[in-house]
Amino acid sequence: MPSPADMMPSPDFSPREREVLASLCDGETYPSIARRLGISRHTVDTYVRRLRSKTGAVSRAQLVVAAVRCGVFDVHTQANRS
């Protein structure tokens, strides 16, 4: 679990952005996220672009790191789920 020093302030993510970000962290593809949320793949891409803008991430890996640092995604909880 990240220490408080490793945590960065969470950008103002919308509930849907949090859903998409968590799905990316779980390894889901854009098409699977779109199907599950009942939105288009293009809309998923729009959410991802917004997330990248808010976090400064330029890759999917950097988005996952940002999600962990912001407390949106807990790696330990997810590992126990598997």
C-alpha atoms as a PDB file:
ATOM      1  CA  MET A   1       0.000   0.000   0.000  1.00  0.00           C
ATOM      2  CA  PRO A   2       1.375   3.422  -0.864  1.00  0.00           C
ATOM      3  CA  SER A   3       2.469   5.527   2.072  1.00  0.00           C
ATOM      4  CA  PRO A   4       0.920   8.974   2.543  1.00  0.00           C
ATOM      5  CA  ALA A   5       4.126  10.461   1.126  1.00  0.00           C
ATOM      6  CA  ASP A   6       3.618   8.455  -2.084  1.00  0.00           C
ATOM      7  CA  MET A   7       0.023   9.615  -2.469  1.00  0.00           C
ATOM      8  CA  MET A   8      -0.661  12.557  -4.712  1.00  0.00           C
ATOM      9  CA  PRO A   9      -3.797  14.675  -4.520  1.00  0.00           C
ATOM     10  CA  SER A  10      -6.587  13.080  -6.507  1.00  0.00           C
ATOM     11  CA  PRO A  11      -7.613  15.166  -9.484  1.00  0.00           C
ATOM     12  CA  ASP A  12     -11.303  15.909  -9.665  1.00  0.00           C
ATOM     13  CA  PHE A  13     -12.351  12.707 -11.437  1.00  0.00           C
ATOM     14  CA  SER A  14     -15.988  12.251 -12.389  1.00  0.00           C
ATOM     15  CA  PRO A  15     -17.628   8.994 -11.256  1.00  0.00           C
ATOM     16  CA  ARG A  16     -17.492   7.688 -14.847  1.00  0.00           C
ATOM     17  CA  GLU A  17     -13.814   8.640 -15.182  1.00  0.00           C
ATOM     18  CA  ARG A  18     -13.130   6.667 -11.988  1.00  0.00           C
ATOM     19  CA  GLU A  19     -14.983   3.664 -13.456  1.00  0.00           C
ATOM     20  CA  VAL A  20     -13.003   3.813 -16.676  1.00  0.00           C
ATOM     21  CA  LEU A  21      -9.718   4.287 -14.816  1.00  0.00           C
ATOM     22  CA  ALA A  22     -10.415   1.339 -12.512  1.00  0.00           C
ATOM     23  CA  SER A  23     -11.315  -0.775 -15.552  1.00  0.00           C
ATOM     24  CA  LEU A  24      -8.030   0.143 -17.228  1.00  0.00           C
ATOM     25  CA  CYS A  25      -6.196  -0.806 -14.049  1.00  0.00           C
ATOM     26  CA  ASP A  26      -7.965  -4.172 -14.139  1.00  0.00           C
ATOM     27  CA  GLY A  27      -6.536  -4.694 -17.633  1.00  0.00           C
ATOM     28  CA  GLU A  28      -9.772  -4.300 -19.556  1.00  0.00           C
ATOM     29  CA  THR A  29      -9.680  -3.270 -23.208  1.00  0.00           C
ATOM     30  CA  TYR A  30     -11.537  -0.277 -24.606  1.00  0.00           C
ATOM     31  CA  PRO A  31     -14.134  -2.518 -26.312  1.00  0.00           C
ATOM     32  CA  SER A  32     -14.786  -4.513 -23.126  1.00  0.00           C
ATOM     33  CA  ILE A  33     -15.105  -1.318 -21.055  1.00  0.00           C
ATOM     34  CA  ALA A  34     -17.501   0.093 -23.645  1.00  0.00           C
ATOM     35  CA  ARG A  35     -19.670  -3.047 -23.635  1.00  0.00           C
ATOM     36  CA  ARG A  36     -19.787  -3.292 -19.856  1.00  0.00           C
ATOM     37  CA  LEU A  37     -20.642   0.400 -19.366  1.00  0.00           C
ATOM     38  CA  GLY A  38     -23.020   0.579 -22.340  1.00  0.00           C
ATOM     39  CA  ILE A  39     -21.066   3.323 -24.094  1.00  0.00           C
ATOM     40  CA  SER A  40     -19.149   3.500 -27.358  1.00  0.00           C
ATOM     41  CA  ARG A  41     -15.455   2.736 -27.708  1.00  0.00           C
ATOM     42  CA  HIS A  42     -15.043   6.339 -28.854  1.00  0.00           C
ATOM     43  CA  THR A  43     -16.547   7.540 -25.560  1.00  0.00           C
ATOM     44  CA  VAL A  44     -14.116   5.331 -23.624  1.00  0.00           C
ATOM     45  CA  ASP A  45     -11.297   6.946 -25.605  1.00  0.00           C
ATOM     46  CA  THR A  46     -12.659  10.394 -24.683  1.00  0.00           C
ATOM     47  CA  TYR A  47     -12.644   9.476 -20.973  1.00  0.00           C
ATOM     48  CA  VAL A  48      -9.089   8.153 -21.263  1.00  0.00           C
ATOM     49  CA  ARG A  49      -7.955  11.373 -22.951  1.00  0.00           C
ATOM     50  CA  ARG A  50      -9.537  13.378 -20.112  1.00  0.00           C
ATOM     51  CA  LEU A  51      -7.823  11.171 -17.538  1.00  0.00           C
ATOM     52  CA  ARG A  52      -4.477  11.643 -19.256  1.00  0.00           C
ATOM     53  CA  SER A  53      -5.003  15.386 -19.318  1.00  0.00           C
ATOM     54  CA  LYS A  54      -5.887  15.504 -15.623  1.00  0.00           C
ATOM     55  CA  THR A  55      -2.999  13.273 -14.524  1.00  0.00           C
ATOM     56  CA  GLY A  56      -0.325  14.241 -17.043  1.00  0.00           C
ATOM     57  CA  ALA A  57       0.014  10.570 -18.006  1.00  0.00           C
ATOM     58  CA  VAL A  58       1.144   9.798 -21.546  1.00  0.00           C
ATOM     59  CA  SER A  59       0.693   6.021 -21.420  1.00  0.00           C
ATOM     60  CA  ARG A  60      -1.649   3.428 -19.969  1.00  0.00           C
ATOM     61  CA  ALA A  61       1.075   2.389 -17.522  1.00  0.00           C
ATOM     62  CA  GLN A  62       1.398   5.946 -16.260  1.00  0.00           C
ATOM     63  CA  LEU A  63      -2.387   6.103 -15.814  1.00  0.00           C
ATOM     64  CA  VAL A  64      -2.234   2.987 -13.618  1.00  0.00           C
ATOM     65  CA  VAL A  65       0.564   4.526 -11.542  1.00  0.00           C
ATOM     66  CA  ALA A  66      -1.462   7.743 -11.188  1.00  0.00           C
ATOM     67  CA  ALA A  67      -4.524   5.727 -10.117  1.00  0.00           C
ATOM     68  CA  VAL A  68      -2.513   3.990  -7.391  1.00  0.00           C
ATOM     69  CA  ARG A  69      -0.893   7.215  -6.203  1.00  0.00           C
ATOM     70  CA  CYS A  70      -4.253   9.015  -6.107  1.00  0.00           C
ATOM     71  CA  GLY A  71      -5.863   6.183  -4.193  1.00  0.00           C
ATOM     72  CA  VAL A  72      -8.307   5.351  -6.979  1.00  0.00           C
ATOM     73  CA  PHE A  73      -6.882   1.845  -7.321  1.00  0.00           C
ATOM     74  CA  ASP A  74      -5.515  -0.320  -4.495  1.00  0.00           C
ATOM     75  CA  VAL A  75      -3.139  -2.933  -5.854  1.00  0.00           C
ATOM     76  CA  HIS A  76      -3.263  -5.018  -2.678  1.00  0.00           C
ATOM     77  CA  THR A  77      -7.047  -5.244  -2.636  1.00  0.00           C
ATOM     78  CA  GLN A  78      -7.082  -6.225  -6.287  1.00  0.00           C
ATOM     79  CA  ALA A  79      -4.378  -8.882  -5.766  1.00  0.00           C
ATOM     80  CA  ASN A  80      -6.474 -10.469  -3.011  1.00  0.00           C
ATOM     81  CA  ARG A  81      -9.491 -10.527  -5.331  1.00  0.00           C
ATOM     82  CA  SER A  82      -7.751 -12.790  -7.840  1.00  0.00           C
END
